[in-house]
């Protein structure tokens, strides 16, 4: 039996060496800046709180669409035009979006990526952001302002999942290229970018402290 097991392992390794990965899905994760992000986040936090306080329309929209939490998505979704702090955030994210587009080998036809939408999310205990995508955009992402220990991360779904039909289930611990879901931890000071068609969600928060992020979309024209 030992010999058979050894042969099976050898055969599998030979098969793996013959495989090539195609149609890859890329996710970009990086520090917004090398230094000074903590002070910058304190400034962002102050303005996020101010936004939540005076945005009556957003709080009412959130009661129905974002139970337990607050988002300015339904009311003030262009905050990068509202203050110099949010504008500066948009400019810093722009540099990362340009790098991501370059890594994707995109031909923008002489046009530039444009930050079209930008909004605040405040997620307290048990708040959830269900599975969704961002239509009419090309790059979407989030920047983390406050991330309590053990707060929910950003969970992505394999975009091919609906095409698997009668495919057998995966083993308990598949290699990274074969995983059907991946979760990026929420980490203050980090920006995460992904193509807007990639479905994602934020599972229910299991910590009492609020998780605060700023989400955004880019388009090109």
N, C-alpha and C. Protein backbone atom coordinates (compact mmCIF):
# COMPACT_ATOMS: atom_id res chain seq x y z
N UNK A 1 0.83 -1.20 0.00
CA UNK A 1 0.00 0.00 0.00
C UNK A 1 0.87 1.26 0.00
N UNK A 2 1.99 1.20 0.71
CA UNK A 2 2.86 2.35 0.75
C UNK A 2 3.38 2.69 -0.65
N UNK A 3 3.69 1.66 -1.42
CA UNK A 3 4.18 1.90 -2.76
C UNK A 3 3.13 2.52 -3.66
N UNK A 4 1.86 2.06 -3.53
CA UNK A 4 0.77 2.61 -4.33
C UNK A 4 0.56 4.08 -4.00
N UNK A 5 0.60 4.41 -2.71
CA UNK A 5 0.41 5.79 -2.28
C UNK A 5 1.52 6.67 -2.84
N UNK A 6 2.72 6.16 -2.80
CA UNK A 6 3.86 6.91 -3.33
C UNK A 6 3.71 7.15 -4.82
N UNK A 7 3.27 6.11 -5.55
CA UNK A 7 3.08 6.24 -6.99
C UNK A 7 1.99 7.26 -7.32
N UNK A 8 0.92 7.25 -6.51
CA UNK A 8 -0.18 8.18 -6.74
C UNK A 8 0.30 9.62 -6.55
N UNK A 9 1.11 9.85 -5.52
CA UNK A 9 1.65 11.18 -5.29
C UNK A 9 2.56 11.62 -6.42
N UNK A 10 3.38 10.69 -6.91
CA UNK A 10 4.27 11.01 -8.02
C UNK A 10 3.48 11.36 -9.27
N UNK A 11 2.41 10.58 -9.55
CA UNK A 11 1.58 10.83 -10.73
C UNK A 11 0.91 12.20 -10.65
N UNK A 12 0.38 12.55 -9.45
CA UNK A 12 -0.29 13.84 -9.28
C UNK A 12 0.68 14.99 -9.48
N UNK A 13 1.90 14.85 -8.97
CA UNK A 13 2.88 15.93 -9.13
C UNK A 13 3.24 16.11 -10.60
N UNK A 14 3.30 15.01 -11.36
CA UNK A 14 3.59 15.11 -12.80
C UNK A 14 2.47 15.85 -13.51
N UNK A 15 1.21 15.56 -13.14
CA UNK A 15 0.07 16.22 -13.77
C UNK A 15 0.09 17.71 -13.46
N UNK A 16 0.35 18.06 -12.19
CA UNK A 16 0.36 19.46 -11.79
C UNK A 16 1.39 20.25 -12.58
N UNK A 17 2.55 19.64 -12.83
CA UNK A 17 3.60 20.32 -13.59
C UNK A 17 3.18 20.61 -15.01
N UNK A 18 2.22 19.86 -15.53
CA UNK A 18 1.77 20.07 -16.90
C UNK A 18 0.68 21.13 -17.00
N UNK A 19 0.15 21.56 -15.86
CA UNK A 19 -0.96 22.52 -15.86
C UNK A 19 -0.46 23.95 -16.02
N UNK A 20 -1.27 24.76 -16.67
CA UNK A 20 -1.03 26.19 -16.77
C UNK A 20 -2.30 26.91 -16.35
N UNK A 21 -2.14 28.05 -15.69
CA UNK A 21 -3.28 28.83 -15.23
C UNK A 21 -3.62 29.91 -16.25
N UNK A 22 -4.91 29.96 -16.66
CA UNK A 22 -5.36 30.96 -17.61
C UNK A 22 -6.57 31.70 -17.05
N UNK A 23 -6.89 32.84 -17.62
CA UNK A 23 -8.08 33.62 -17.23
C UNK A 23 -8.06 33.96 -15.74
N UNK A 24 -6.91 34.41 -15.29
CA UNK A 24 -6.73 34.69 -13.87
C UNK A 24 -7.55 35.91 -13.42
N UNK A 25 -7.93 35.91 -12.15
CA UNK A 25 -8.61 37.03 -11.52
C UNK A 25 -7.62 37.70 -10.57
N UNK A 26 -7.40 39.00 -10.74
CA UNK A 26 -6.41 39.70 -9.94
C UNK A 26 -7.06 40.62 -8.92
N UNK A 27 -6.49 40.65 -7.74
CA UNK A 27 -6.91 41.54 -6.66
C UNK A 27 -5.66 42.27 -6.16
N UNK A 28 -5.78 43.56 -6.03
CA UNK A 28 -4.65 44.42 -5.65
C UNK A 28 -4.82 44.83 -4.19
N UNK A 29 -3.78 44.69 -3.39
CA UNK A 29 -3.80 45.07 -1.98
C UNK A 29 -2.47 45.71 -1.61
N UNK A 30 -2.53 46.94 -1.08
CA UNK A 30 -1.30 47.66 -0.78
C UNK A 30 -1.59 48.77 0.23
N UNK A 31 -0.55 49.19 0.95
CA UNK A 31 -0.65 50.38 1.81
C UNK A 31 -0.95 51.60 0.94
N UNK A 32 -1.83 52.44 1.44
CA UNK A 32 -2.13 53.67 0.71
C UNK A 32 -0.87 54.50 0.55
N UNK A 33 -0.06 54.57 1.61
CA UNK A 33 1.20 55.31 1.60
C UNK A 33 2.12 54.71 2.65
N UNK A 34 3.40 54.91 2.46
CA UNK A 34 4.39 54.29 3.35
C UNK A 34 4.39 54.90 4.74
N UNK A 35 4.23 56.23 4.81
CA UNK A 35 4.29 56.92 6.09
C UNK A 35 3.14 57.91 6.21
N UNK A 36 2.75 58.21 7.44
CA UNK A 36 1.75 59.24 7.69
C UNK A 36 0.31 58.80 7.55
N UNK A 37 0.07 57.52 7.31
CA UNK A 37 -1.31 57.09 7.09
C UNK A 37 -2.14 57.12 8.37
N UNK A 38 -1.50 56.93 9.52
CA UNK A 38 -2.27 56.96 10.77
C UNK A 38 -2.86 58.35 11.03
N UNK A 39 -2.05 59.39 10.85
CA UNK A 39 -2.55 60.75 11.00
C UNK A 39 -3.62 61.05 9.95
N UNK A 40 -3.38 60.61 8.73
CA UNK A 40 -4.35 60.82 7.66
C UNK A 40 -5.67 60.13 8.01
N UNK A 41 -5.60 58.91 8.57
CA UNK A 41 -6.82 58.20 8.95
C UNK A 41 -7.57 58.90 10.07
N UNK A 42 -6.86 59.56 10.97
CA UNK A 42 -7.53 60.32 12.03
C UNK A 42 -8.34 61.46 11.42
N UNK A 43 -7.79 62.10 10.40
CA UNK A 43 -8.51 63.18 9.72
C UNK A 43 -9.73 62.63 8.98
N UNK A 44 -9.53 61.48 8.32
CA UNK A 44 -10.65 60.85 7.61
C UNK A 44 -11.75 60.43 8.58
N UNK A 45 -11.35 59.86 9.72
CA UNK A 45 -12.33 59.42 10.70
C UNK A 45 -13.19 60.58 11.17
N UNK A 46 -12.57 61.70 11.45
CA UNK A 46 -13.30 62.89 11.90
C UNK A 46 -14.34 63.30 10.87
N UNK A 47 -13.97 63.29 9.60
CA UNK A 47 -14.92 63.70 8.57
C UNK A 47 -15.99 62.65 8.30
N UNK A 48 -15.64 61.38 8.47
CA UNK A 48 -16.65 60.32 8.34
C UNK A 48 -17.72 60.48 9.41
N UNK A 49 -17.30 60.79 10.64
CA UNK A 49 -18.25 61.00 11.73
C UNK A 49 -19.12 62.23 11.47
N UNK A 50 -18.53 63.29 10.95
CA UNK A 50 -19.29 64.50 10.65
C UNK A 50 -20.32 64.22 9.56
N UNK A 51 -19.91 63.44 8.58
CA UNK A 51 -20.81 63.08 7.49
C UNK A 51 -22.01 62.30 8.03
N UNK A 52 -21.73 61.32 8.86
CA UNK A 52 -22.80 60.51 9.45
C UNK A 52 -23.75 61.37 10.27
N UNK A 53 -23.23 62.36 10.96
CA UNK A 53 -24.04 63.18 11.85
C UNK A 53 -25.04 64.04 11.10
N UNK A 54 -24.63 64.67 9.99
CA UNK A 54 -25.55 65.60 9.33
C UNK A 54 -26.29 64.98 8.14
N UNK A 55 -25.94 63.75 7.76
CA UNK A 55 -26.56 63.12 6.59
C UNK A 55 -27.86 62.41 6.97
N UNK A 56 -28.94 63.18 7.17
CA UNK A 56 -30.23 62.60 7.53
C UNK A 56 -30.73 61.64 6.45
N UNK A 57 -30.59 62.04 5.19
CA UNK A 57 -31.05 61.19 4.09
C UNK A 57 -30.31 59.86 4.08
N UNK A 58 -28.99 59.91 4.32
CA UNK A 58 -28.20 58.69 4.33
C UNK A 58 -28.56 57.76 5.48
N UNK A 59 -28.81 58.33 6.64
CA UNK A 59 -29.20 57.50 7.79
C UNK A 59 -30.55 56.83 7.54
N UNK A 60 -31.48 57.55 6.93
CA UNK A 60 -32.78 56.96 6.61
C UNK A 60 -32.65 55.88 5.56
N UNK A 61 -31.79 56.13 4.54
CA UNK A 61 -31.58 55.12 3.50
C UNK A 61 -30.94 53.87 4.09
N UNK A 62 -30.03 54.07 5.03
CA UNK A 62 -29.31 52.95 5.65
C UNK A 62 -30.23 52.07 6.50
N UNK A 63 -31.23 52.67 7.11
CA UNK A 63 -32.17 51.89 7.94
C UNK A 63 -32.82 50.79 7.13
N UNK A 64 -33.11 51.07 5.87
CA UNK A 64 -33.77 50.10 5.01
C UNK A 64 -32.77 49.21 4.26
N UNK A 65 -31.67 49.78 3.83
CA UNK A 65 -30.76 49.07 2.93
C UNK A 65 -29.46 48.60 3.57
N UNK A 66 -29.17 49.09 4.78
CA UNK A 66 -27.91 48.77 5.46
C UNK A 66 -28.19 48.63 6.95
N UNK A 67 -29.08 47.69 7.33
CA UNK A 67 -29.60 47.61 8.70
C UNK A 67 -28.49 47.56 9.75
N UNK A 68 -28.62 48.45 10.73
CA UNK A 68 -27.67 48.48 11.84
C UNK A 68 -26.48 49.38 11.60
N UNK A 69 -26.19 49.70 10.36
CA UNK A 69 -25.01 50.50 10.05
C UNK A 69 -25.36 51.79 9.34
N UNK A 70 -24.34 52.44 8.83
CA UNK A 70 -24.53 53.68 8.07
C UNK A 70 -23.65 53.65 6.83
N UNK A 71 -24.22 54.06 5.71
CA UNK A 71 -23.47 54.26 4.48
C UNK A 71 -24.00 55.50 3.79
N UNK A 72 -23.11 56.25 3.17
CA UNK A 72 -23.54 57.42 2.41
C UNK A 72 -23.79 57.07 0.95
N UNK A 73 -23.79 55.78 0.62
CA UNK A 73 -23.94 55.34 -0.76
C UNK A 73 -25.23 55.85 -1.39
N UNK A 74 -26.33 55.85 -0.63
CA UNK A 74 -27.62 56.26 -1.18
C UNK A 74 -27.89 57.74 -1.11
N UNK A 75 -26.94 58.52 -0.61
CA UNK A 75 -27.18 59.95 -0.42
C UNK A 75 -26.01 60.81 -0.89
N UNK A 76 -24.84 60.52 -0.38
CA UNK A 76 -23.64 61.30 -0.70
C UNK A 76 -22.57 60.32 -1.20
N UNK A 77 -22.59 60.06 -2.49
CA UNK A 77 -21.69 59.06 -3.07
C UNK A 77 -20.57 59.67 -3.90
N UNK A 78 -20.34 60.98 -3.69
CA UNK A 78 -19.23 61.66 -4.36
C UNK A 78 -18.48 62.51 -3.33
N UNK A 79 -18.11 61.88 -2.25
CA UNK A 79 -17.49 62.63 -1.14
C UNK A 79 -16.12 63.15 -1.51
N UNK A 80 -15.51 62.62 -2.59
CA UNK A 80 -14.20 63.13 -3.02
C UNK A 80 -14.32 64.54 -3.58
N UNK A 81 -15.55 65.04 -3.76
CA UNK A 81 -15.76 66.43 -4.17
C UNK A 81 -16.20 67.32 -3.01
N UNK A 82 -16.29 66.73 -1.81
CA UNK A 82 -16.89 67.46 -0.69
C UNK A 82 -15.89 68.15 0.22
N UNK A 83 -14.69 67.63 0.30
CA UNK A 83 -13.70 68.22 1.19
C UNK A 83 -12.30 67.95 0.66
N UNK A 84 -11.34 68.74 1.13
CA UNK A 84 -9.96 68.56 0.69
C UNK A 84 -9.40 67.23 1.18
N UNK A 85 -9.87 66.75 2.35
CA UNK A 85 -9.38 65.48 2.89
C UNK A 85 -9.81 64.32 2.01
N UNK A 86 -11.10 64.26 1.67
CA UNK A 86 -11.59 63.20 0.80
C UNK A 86 -11.00 63.33 -0.60
N UNK A 87 -10.80 64.56 -1.05
CA UNK A 87 -10.18 64.78 -2.36
C UNK A 87 -8.76 64.23 -2.38
N UNK A 88 -8.02 64.45 -1.29
CA UNK A 88 -6.65 63.94 -1.20
C UNK A 88 -6.64 62.42 -1.20
N UNK A 89 -7.60 61.82 -0.50
CA UNK A 89 -7.71 60.36 -0.52
C UNK A 89 -7.91 59.88 -1.95
N UNK A 90 -8.81 60.52 -2.68
CA UNK A 90 -9.05 60.12 -4.06
C UNK A 90 -7.80 60.20 -4.92
N UNK A 91 -7.01 61.24 -4.73
CA UNK A 91 -5.77 61.40 -5.50
C UNK A 91 -4.77 60.30 -5.18
N UNK A 92 -4.70 59.93 -3.92
CA UNK A 92 -3.76 58.87 -3.53
C UNK A 92 -4.22 57.51 -4.03
N UNK A 93 -5.52 57.26 -4.00
CA UNK A 93 -6.04 56.00 -4.53
C UNK A 93 -5.84 55.93 -6.04
N UNK A 94 -5.95 57.08 -6.70
CA UNK A 94 -5.79 57.14 -8.16
C UNK A 94 -4.46 56.52 -8.59
N UNK A 95 -3.40 56.79 -7.84
CA UNK A 95 -2.08 56.25 -8.20
C UNK A 95 -2.09 54.73 -8.16
N UNK A 96 -2.77 54.18 -7.16
CA UNK A 96 -2.86 52.72 -7.06
C UNK A 96 -3.72 52.15 -8.19
N UNK A 97 -4.81 52.83 -8.52
CA UNK A 97 -5.68 52.37 -9.60
C UNK A 97 -4.93 52.35 -10.93
N UNK A 98 -4.09 53.33 -11.15
CA UNK A 98 -3.30 53.37 -12.39
C UNK A 98 -2.32 52.19 -12.45
N UNK A 99 -1.71 51.88 -11.31
CA UNK A 99 -0.79 50.73 -11.28
C UNK A 99 -1.54 49.43 -11.55
N UNK A 100 -2.74 49.31 -10.97
CA UNK A 100 -3.55 48.11 -11.15
C UNK A 100 -3.93 47.96 -12.63
N UNK A 101 -4.38 49.05 -13.25
CA UNK A 101 -4.76 49.01 -14.66
C UNK A 101 -3.57 48.61 -15.53
N UNK A 102 -2.39 49.10 -15.19
CA UNK A 102 -1.19 48.74 -15.93
C UNK A 102 -0.88 47.26 -15.79
N UNK A 103 -1.05 46.73 -14.57
CA UNK A 103 -0.80 45.30 -14.32
C UNK A 103 -1.81 44.42 -15.08
N UNK A 104 -3.00 44.95 -15.33
CA UNK A 104 -4.02 44.21 -16.07
C UNK A 104 -3.83 44.29 -17.59
N UNK A 105 -2.79 45.05 -18.02
CA UNK A 105 -2.51 45.22 -19.46
C UNK A 105 -3.67 45.89 -20.18
N UNK A 106 -4.33 46.81 -19.53
CA UNK A 106 -5.44 47.51 -20.17
C UNK A 106 -4.94 48.55 -21.17
N UNK A 107 -5.63 48.67 -22.28
CA UNK A 107 -5.41 49.73 -23.24
C UNK A 107 -6.56 50.72 -23.07
N UNK A 108 -6.30 51.84 -22.44
CA UNK A 108 -7.34 52.82 -22.15
C UNK A 108 -7.60 53.77 -23.31
N UNK A 109 -6.95 53.53 -24.43
CA UNK A 109 -7.22 54.32 -25.62
C UNK A 109 -6.92 55.80 -25.46
N UNK A 110 -5.90 56.11 -24.68
CA UNK A 110 -5.54 57.50 -24.48
C UNK A 110 -6.35 58.21 -23.42
N UNK A 111 -7.30 57.51 -22.82
CA UNK A 111 -8.11 58.09 -21.75
C UNK A 111 -7.51 57.75 -20.39
N UNK A 112 -8.05 58.36 -19.35
CA UNK A 112 -7.58 58.11 -17.99
C UNK A 112 -8.69 57.53 -17.14
N UNK A 113 -8.29 56.78 -16.13
CA UNK A 113 -9.27 56.33 -15.14
C UNK A 113 -9.80 57.52 -14.37
N UNK A 114 -11.09 57.50 -14.08
CA UNK A 114 -11.71 58.61 -13.37
C UNK A 114 -12.47 58.09 -12.15
N UNK A 115 -12.22 58.70 -11.00
CA UNK A 115 -12.93 58.33 -9.77
C UNK A 115 -14.34 58.91 -9.85
N UNK A 116 -15.34 58.05 -10.03
CA UNK A 116 -16.70 58.51 -10.26
C UNK A 116 -17.55 58.52 -9.00
N UNK A 117 -17.34 57.55 -8.13
CA UNK A 117 -18.15 57.42 -6.91
C UNK A 117 -17.25 57.13 -5.72
N UNK A 118 -17.63 57.67 -4.55
CA UNK A 118 -16.84 57.46 -3.34
C UNK A 118 -17.76 57.70 -2.15
N UNK A 119 -17.83 56.73 -1.23
CA UNK A 119 -18.79 56.83 -0.14
C UNK A 119 -18.26 56.16 1.13
N UNK A 120 -18.87 56.51 2.25
CA UNK A 120 -18.45 56.02 3.58
C UNK A 120 -19.30 54.83 4.00
N UNK A 121 -18.68 53.86 4.66
CA UNK A 121 -19.39 52.72 5.27
C UNK A 121 -18.99 52.60 6.73
N UNK A 122 -19.98 52.57 7.62
CA UNK A 122 -19.73 52.35 9.05
C UNK A 122 -20.51 51.12 9.47
N UNK A 123 -19.77 50.07 9.85
CA UNK A 123 -20.38 48.77 10.16
C UNK A 123 -20.18 48.41 11.62
N UNK A 124 -21.21 48.54 12.45
CA UNK A 124 -21.12 48.07 13.83
C UNK A 124 -21.43 46.57 13.93
N UNK A 125 -21.62 46.10 15.13
CA UNK A 125 -21.85 44.68 15.43
C UNK A 125 -23.01 44.13 14.59
N UNK A 126 -22.76 43.00 13.92
CA UNK A 126 -23.73 42.22 13.16
C UNK A 126 -24.21 42.89 11.87
N UNK A 127 -23.64 44.00 11.50
CA UNK A 127 -23.98 44.59 10.21
C UNK A 127 -23.34 43.77 9.09
N UNK A 128 -24.06 43.63 7.99
CA UNK A 128 -23.59 42.80 6.89
C UNK A 128 -23.72 43.56 5.58
N UNK A 129 -22.83 43.27 4.64
CA UNK A 129 -22.95 43.81 3.29
C UNK A 129 -22.99 42.61 2.36
N UNK A 130 -24.18 42.29 1.85
CA UNK A 130 -24.40 41.05 1.12
C UNK A 130 -23.68 41.02 -0.23
N UNK A 131 -23.63 39.85 -0.83
CA UNK A 131 -22.90 39.61 -2.07
C UNK A 131 -23.42 40.51 -3.19
N UNK A 132 -22.49 41.19 -3.87
CA UNK A 132 -22.87 42.13 -4.91
C UNK A 132 -21.68 42.42 -5.83
N UNK A 133 -21.92 43.17 -6.88
CA UNK A 133 -20.87 43.68 -7.76
C UNK A 133 -21.17 45.15 -8.04
N UNK A 134 -20.32 45.81 -8.83
CA UNK A 134 -20.47 47.24 -9.10
C UNK A 134 -20.63 47.47 -10.60
N UNK A 135 -21.86 47.46 -11.11
CA UNK A 135 -22.06 47.65 -12.56
C UNK A 135 -21.69 49.07 -12.99
N UNK A 136 -21.40 49.21 -14.26
CA UNK A 136 -21.09 50.50 -14.89
C UNK A 136 -19.77 51.10 -14.40
N UNK A 137 -18.91 50.28 -13.82
CA UNK A 137 -17.58 50.71 -13.39
C UNK A 137 -16.57 49.70 -13.91
N UNK A 138 -15.28 50.05 -13.85
CA UNK A 138 -14.25 49.12 -14.30
C UNK A 138 -13.35 48.65 -13.15
N UNK A 139 -13.06 49.55 -12.22
CA UNK A 139 -12.30 49.18 -11.01
C UNK A 139 -13.09 49.68 -9.81
N UNK A 140 -13.21 48.83 -8.82
CA UNK A 140 -13.83 49.20 -7.55
C UNK A 140 -12.88 48.84 -6.43
N UNK A 141 -13.17 49.34 -5.25
CA UNK A 141 -12.29 49.02 -4.13
C UNK A 141 -12.74 49.66 -2.84
N UNK A 142 -11.91 49.50 -1.84
CA UNK A 142 -12.20 50.07 -0.52
C UNK A 142 -10.90 50.46 0.16
N UNK A 143 -11.00 51.48 1.00
CA UNK A 143 -9.88 51.90 1.83
C UNK A 143 -10.32 51.83 3.28
N UNK A 144 -9.46 51.26 4.14
CA UNK A 144 -9.84 51.02 5.53
C UNK A 144 -9.34 52.13 6.44
N UNK A 145 -10.30 52.71 7.17
CA UNK A 145 -10.01 53.81 8.09
C UNK A 145 -9.87 53.28 9.51
N UNK A 146 -10.83 52.46 9.96
CA UNK A 146 -10.80 51.87 11.30
C UNK A 146 -11.14 50.39 11.17
N UNK A 147 -10.28 49.53 11.69
CA UNK A 147 -10.51 48.08 11.59
C UNK A 147 -10.24 47.42 12.94
N UNK A 148 -11.29 47.23 13.76
CA UNK A 148 -11.10 46.56 15.05
C UNK A 148 -10.54 45.14 14.86
N UNK A 149 -9.87 44.68 15.85
CA UNK A 149 -9.31 43.33 15.79
C UNK A 149 -10.42 42.30 15.58
N UNK A 150 -10.19 41.39 14.64
CA UNK A 150 -11.11 40.31 14.28
C UNK A 150 -12.37 40.81 13.57
N UNK A 151 -12.34 41.99 13.03
CA UNK A 151 -13.51 42.46 12.27
C UNK A 151 -13.57 41.71 10.93
N UNK A 152 -14.71 41.76 10.29
CA UNK A 152 -14.92 41.03 9.03
C UNK A 152 -14.02 41.56 7.93
N UNK A 153 -13.55 40.65 7.09
CA UNK A 153 -12.74 41.02 5.95
C UNK A 153 -13.60 41.16 4.70
N UNK A 154 -12.95 41.29 3.55
CA UNK A 154 -13.63 41.42 2.27
C UNK A 154 -13.56 40.07 1.56
N UNK A 155 -14.71 39.45 1.36
CA UNK A 155 -14.79 38.10 0.82
C UNK A 155 -15.15 38.13 -0.66
N UNK A 156 -14.34 37.48 -1.48
CA UNK A 156 -14.54 37.44 -2.92
C UNK A 156 -15.00 36.04 -3.35
N UNK A 157 -15.81 36.01 -4.41
CA UNK A 157 -16.33 34.75 -4.95
C UNK A 157 -15.69 34.46 -6.30
N UNK A 158 -15.35 33.21 -6.53
CA UNK A 158 -14.85 32.78 -7.84
C UNK A 158 -15.86 33.18 -8.92
N UNK A 159 -15.49 34.00 -9.89
CA UNK A 159 -16.47 34.45 -10.89
C UNK A 159 -16.98 33.34 -11.79
N UNK A 160 -16.33 32.17 -11.77
CA UNK A 160 -16.78 31.05 -12.60
C UNK A 160 -17.80 30.17 -11.89
N UNK A 161 -18.15 30.50 -10.66
CA UNK A 161 -18.93 29.61 -9.81
C UNK A 161 -20.25 29.19 -10.47
N UNK A 162 -20.91 30.12 -11.14
CA UNK A 162 -22.20 29.81 -11.77
C UNK A 162 -22.05 28.88 -12.97
N UNK A 163 -20.82 28.66 -13.44
CA UNK A 163 -20.60 27.84 -14.63
C UNK A 163 -20.17 26.41 -14.30
N UNK A 164 -20.03 26.10 -13.03
CA UNK A 164 -19.48 24.81 -12.66
C UNK A 164 -20.46 23.66 -12.89
N UNK A 165 -21.74 23.94 -12.91
CA UNK A 165 -22.80 22.96 -13.21
C UNK A 165 -22.65 21.71 -12.33
N UNK A 166 -22.29 20.57 -12.92
CA UNK A 166 -22.25 19.31 -12.17
C UNK A 166 -20.85 18.98 -11.65
N UNK A 167 -20.00 19.97 -11.55
CA UNK A 167 -18.63 19.71 -11.09
C UNK A 167 -18.64 19.19 -9.65
N UNK A 168 -17.78 18.22 -9.31
CA UNK A 168 -17.70 17.72 -7.94
C UNK A 168 -17.23 18.81 -6.99
N UNK A 169 -17.52 18.67 -5.69
CA UNK A 169 -17.02 19.66 -4.73
C UNK A 169 -15.51 19.58 -4.61
N UNK A 170 -14.89 20.65 -4.11
CA UNK A 170 -13.45 20.67 -3.91
C UNK A 170 -13.09 19.98 -2.60
N UNK A 171 -11.85 19.56 -2.47
CA UNK A 171 -11.37 18.99 -1.22
C UNK A 171 -11.34 20.08 -0.16
N UNK A 172 -11.15 19.71 1.10
CA UNK A 172 -11.23 20.67 2.20
C UNK A 172 -10.17 21.78 2.12
N UNK A 173 -9.01 21.44 1.59
CA UNK A 173 -7.93 22.43 1.55
C UNK A 173 -7.32 22.49 0.15
N UNK A 174 -8.06 23.04 -0.83
CA UNK A 174 -7.53 23.09 -2.20
C UNK A 174 -6.40 24.09 -2.33
N UNK A 175 -5.58 23.91 -3.35
CA UNK A 175 -4.54 24.87 -3.63
C UNK A 175 -5.17 26.23 -3.94
N UNK A 176 -4.45 27.34 -3.68
CA UNK A 176 -5.02 28.68 -3.86
C UNK A 176 -5.73 28.89 -5.20
N UNK A 177 -5.17 28.44 -6.35
CA UNK A 177 -5.87 28.69 -7.62
C UNK A 177 -7.23 28.01 -7.73
N UNK A 178 -7.47 27.00 -6.88
CA UNK A 178 -8.72 26.23 -6.96
C UNK A 178 -9.72 26.59 -5.86
N UNK A 179 -9.43 27.58 -5.06
CA UNK A 179 -10.37 27.99 -4.02
C UNK A 179 -11.52 28.77 -4.63
N UNK A 180 -12.72 28.55 -4.12
CA UNK A 180 -13.91 29.20 -4.68
C UNK A 180 -14.25 30.51 -3.97
N UNK A 181 -13.65 30.73 -2.81
CA UNK A 181 -13.81 31.98 -2.07
C UNK A 181 -12.46 32.35 -1.46
N UNK A 182 -12.21 33.64 -1.36
CA UNK A 182 -11.01 34.10 -0.67
C UNK A 182 -11.38 35.37 0.09
N UNK A 183 -10.86 35.50 1.31
CA UNK A 183 -11.16 36.66 2.14
C UNK A 183 -9.89 37.45 2.41
N UNK A 184 -9.92 38.73 2.09
CA UNK A 184 -8.82 39.63 2.40
C UNK A 184 -9.11 40.31 3.74
N UNK A 185 -8.21 40.22 4.70
CA UNK A 185 -8.44 40.87 6.00
C UNK A 185 -8.59 42.37 5.85
N UNK A 186 -9.45 42.96 6.65
CA UNK A 186 -9.58 44.42 6.69
C UNK A 186 -8.46 44.96 7.57
N UNK A 187 -7.65 45.84 7.02
CA UNK A 187 -6.50 46.37 7.74
C UNK A 187 -6.39 47.87 7.51
N UNK A 188 -6.47 48.64 8.59
CA UNK A 188 -6.41 50.10 8.49
C UNK A 188 -5.17 50.53 7.72
N UNK A 189 -5.35 51.49 6.81
CA UNK A 189 -4.25 51.98 6.00
C UNK A 189 -4.07 51.25 4.69
N UNK A 190 -4.82 50.17 4.47
CA UNK A 190 -4.69 49.39 3.25
C UNK A 190 -5.80 49.76 2.25
N UNK A 191 -5.44 49.73 0.98
CA UNK A 191 -6.41 49.88 -0.10
C UNK A 191 -6.48 48.57 -0.87
N UNK A 192 -7.70 48.13 -1.19
CA UNK A 192 -7.92 46.92 -1.97
C UNK A 192 -8.65 47.31 -3.24
N UNK A 193 -8.16 46.85 -4.38
CA UNK A 193 -8.76 47.12 -5.68
C UNK A 193 -9.08 45.82 -6.38
N UNK A 194 -10.16 45.83 -7.17
CA UNK A 194 -10.55 44.66 -7.94
C UNK A 194 -11.39 45.12 -9.12
N UNK A 195 -11.49 44.28 -10.14
CA UNK A 195 -12.34 44.61 -11.27
C UNK A 195 -13.81 44.58 -10.81
N UNK A 196 -14.60 45.52 -11.31
CA UNK A 196 -15.92 45.77 -10.74
C UNK A 196 -16.91 44.63 -10.95
N UNK A 197 -16.63 43.72 -11.89
CA UNK A 197 -17.53 42.60 -12.10
C UNK A 197 -17.35 41.48 -11.08
N UNK A 198 -16.33 41.57 -10.25
CA UNK A 198 -16.03 40.50 -9.30
C UNK A 198 -16.96 40.61 -8.08
N UNK A 199 -17.75 39.58 -7.86
CA UNK A 199 -18.71 39.62 -6.75
C UNK A 199 -17.97 39.50 -5.41
N UNK A 200 -18.50 40.22 -4.41
CA UNK A 200 -17.84 40.27 -3.12
C UNK A 200 -18.87 40.61 -2.03
N UNK A 201 -18.49 40.42 -0.80
CA UNK A 201 -19.37 40.70 0.32
C UNK A 201 -18.54 40.96 1.58
N UNK A 202 -19.20 41.51 2.59
CA UNK A 202 -18.60 41.65 3.91
C UNK A 202 -19.49 40.88 4.88
N UNK A 203 -19.04 39.74 5.40
CA UNK A 203 -19.86 38.97 6.34
C UNK A 203 -20.19 39.78 7.59
N UNK A 204 -21.19 39.31 8.31
CA UNK A 204 -21.64 40.01 9.52
C UNK A 204 -20.50 40.22 10.50
N UNK A 205 -20.39 41.43 10.99
CA UNK A 205 -19.34 41.76 11.95
C UNK A 205 -19.61 41.07 13.28
N UNK A 206 -18.59 40.48 13.86
CA UNK A 206 -18.71 39.76 15.13
C UNK A 206 -18.06 40.51 16.28
N UNK A 207 -17.69 41.76 16.05
CA UNK A 207 -17.06 42.56 17.11
C UNK A 207 -17.93 43.78 17.39
N UNK A 208 -17.85 44.29 18.60
CA UNK A 208 -18.69 45.40 19.01
C UNK A 208 -18.25 46.73 18.41
N UNK A 209 -16.97 46.91 18.24
CA UNK A 209 -16.45 48.18 17.71
C UNK A 209 -16.78 48.34 16.23
N UNK A 210 -16.89 49.58 15.79
CA UNK A 210 -17.27 49.86 14.41
C UNK A 210 -16.10 49.69 13.45
N UNK A 211 -16.41 49.12 12.33
CA UNK A 211 -15.48 48.96 11.20
C UNK A 211 -15.82 50.06 10.21
N UNK A 212 -14.85 50.92 9.87
CA UNK A 212 -15.12 52.07 9.02
C UNK A 212 -14.24 52.02 7.78
N UNK A 213 -14.89 52.13 6.63
CA UNK A 213 -14.17 52.08 5.36
C UNK A 213 -14.75 53.09 4.39
N UNK A 214 -14.01 53.34 3.33
CA UNK A 214 -14.46 54.22 2.26
C UNK A 214 -14.35 53.44 0.95
N UNK A 215 -15.48 53.26 0.29
CA UNK A 215 -15.51 52.50 -0.96
C UNK A 215 -15.61 53.44 -2.14
N UNK A 216 -15.30 52.91 -3.34
CA UNK A 216 -15.21 53.80 -4.51
C UNK A 216 -15.27 53.01 -5.80
N UNK A 217 -15.55 53.73 -6.89
CA UNK A 217 -15.56 53.17 -8.24
C UNK A 217 -14.76 54.05 -9.18
N UNK A 218 -14.11 53.40 -10.16
CA UNK A 218 -13.44 54.10 -11.24
C UNK A 218 -14.06 53.71 -12.57
N UNK A 219 -14.11 54.66 -13.48
CA UNK A 219 -14.51 54.38 -14.86
C UNK A 219 -13.48 55.01 -15.79
N UNK A 220 -13.66 54.86 -17.08
CA UNK A 220 -12.74 55.50 -18.01
C UNK A 220 -13.54 56.06 -19.18
N UNK A 221 -13.11 57.21 -19.66
CA UNK A 221 -13.85 57.85 -20.75
C UNK A 221 -12.91 58.77 -21.53
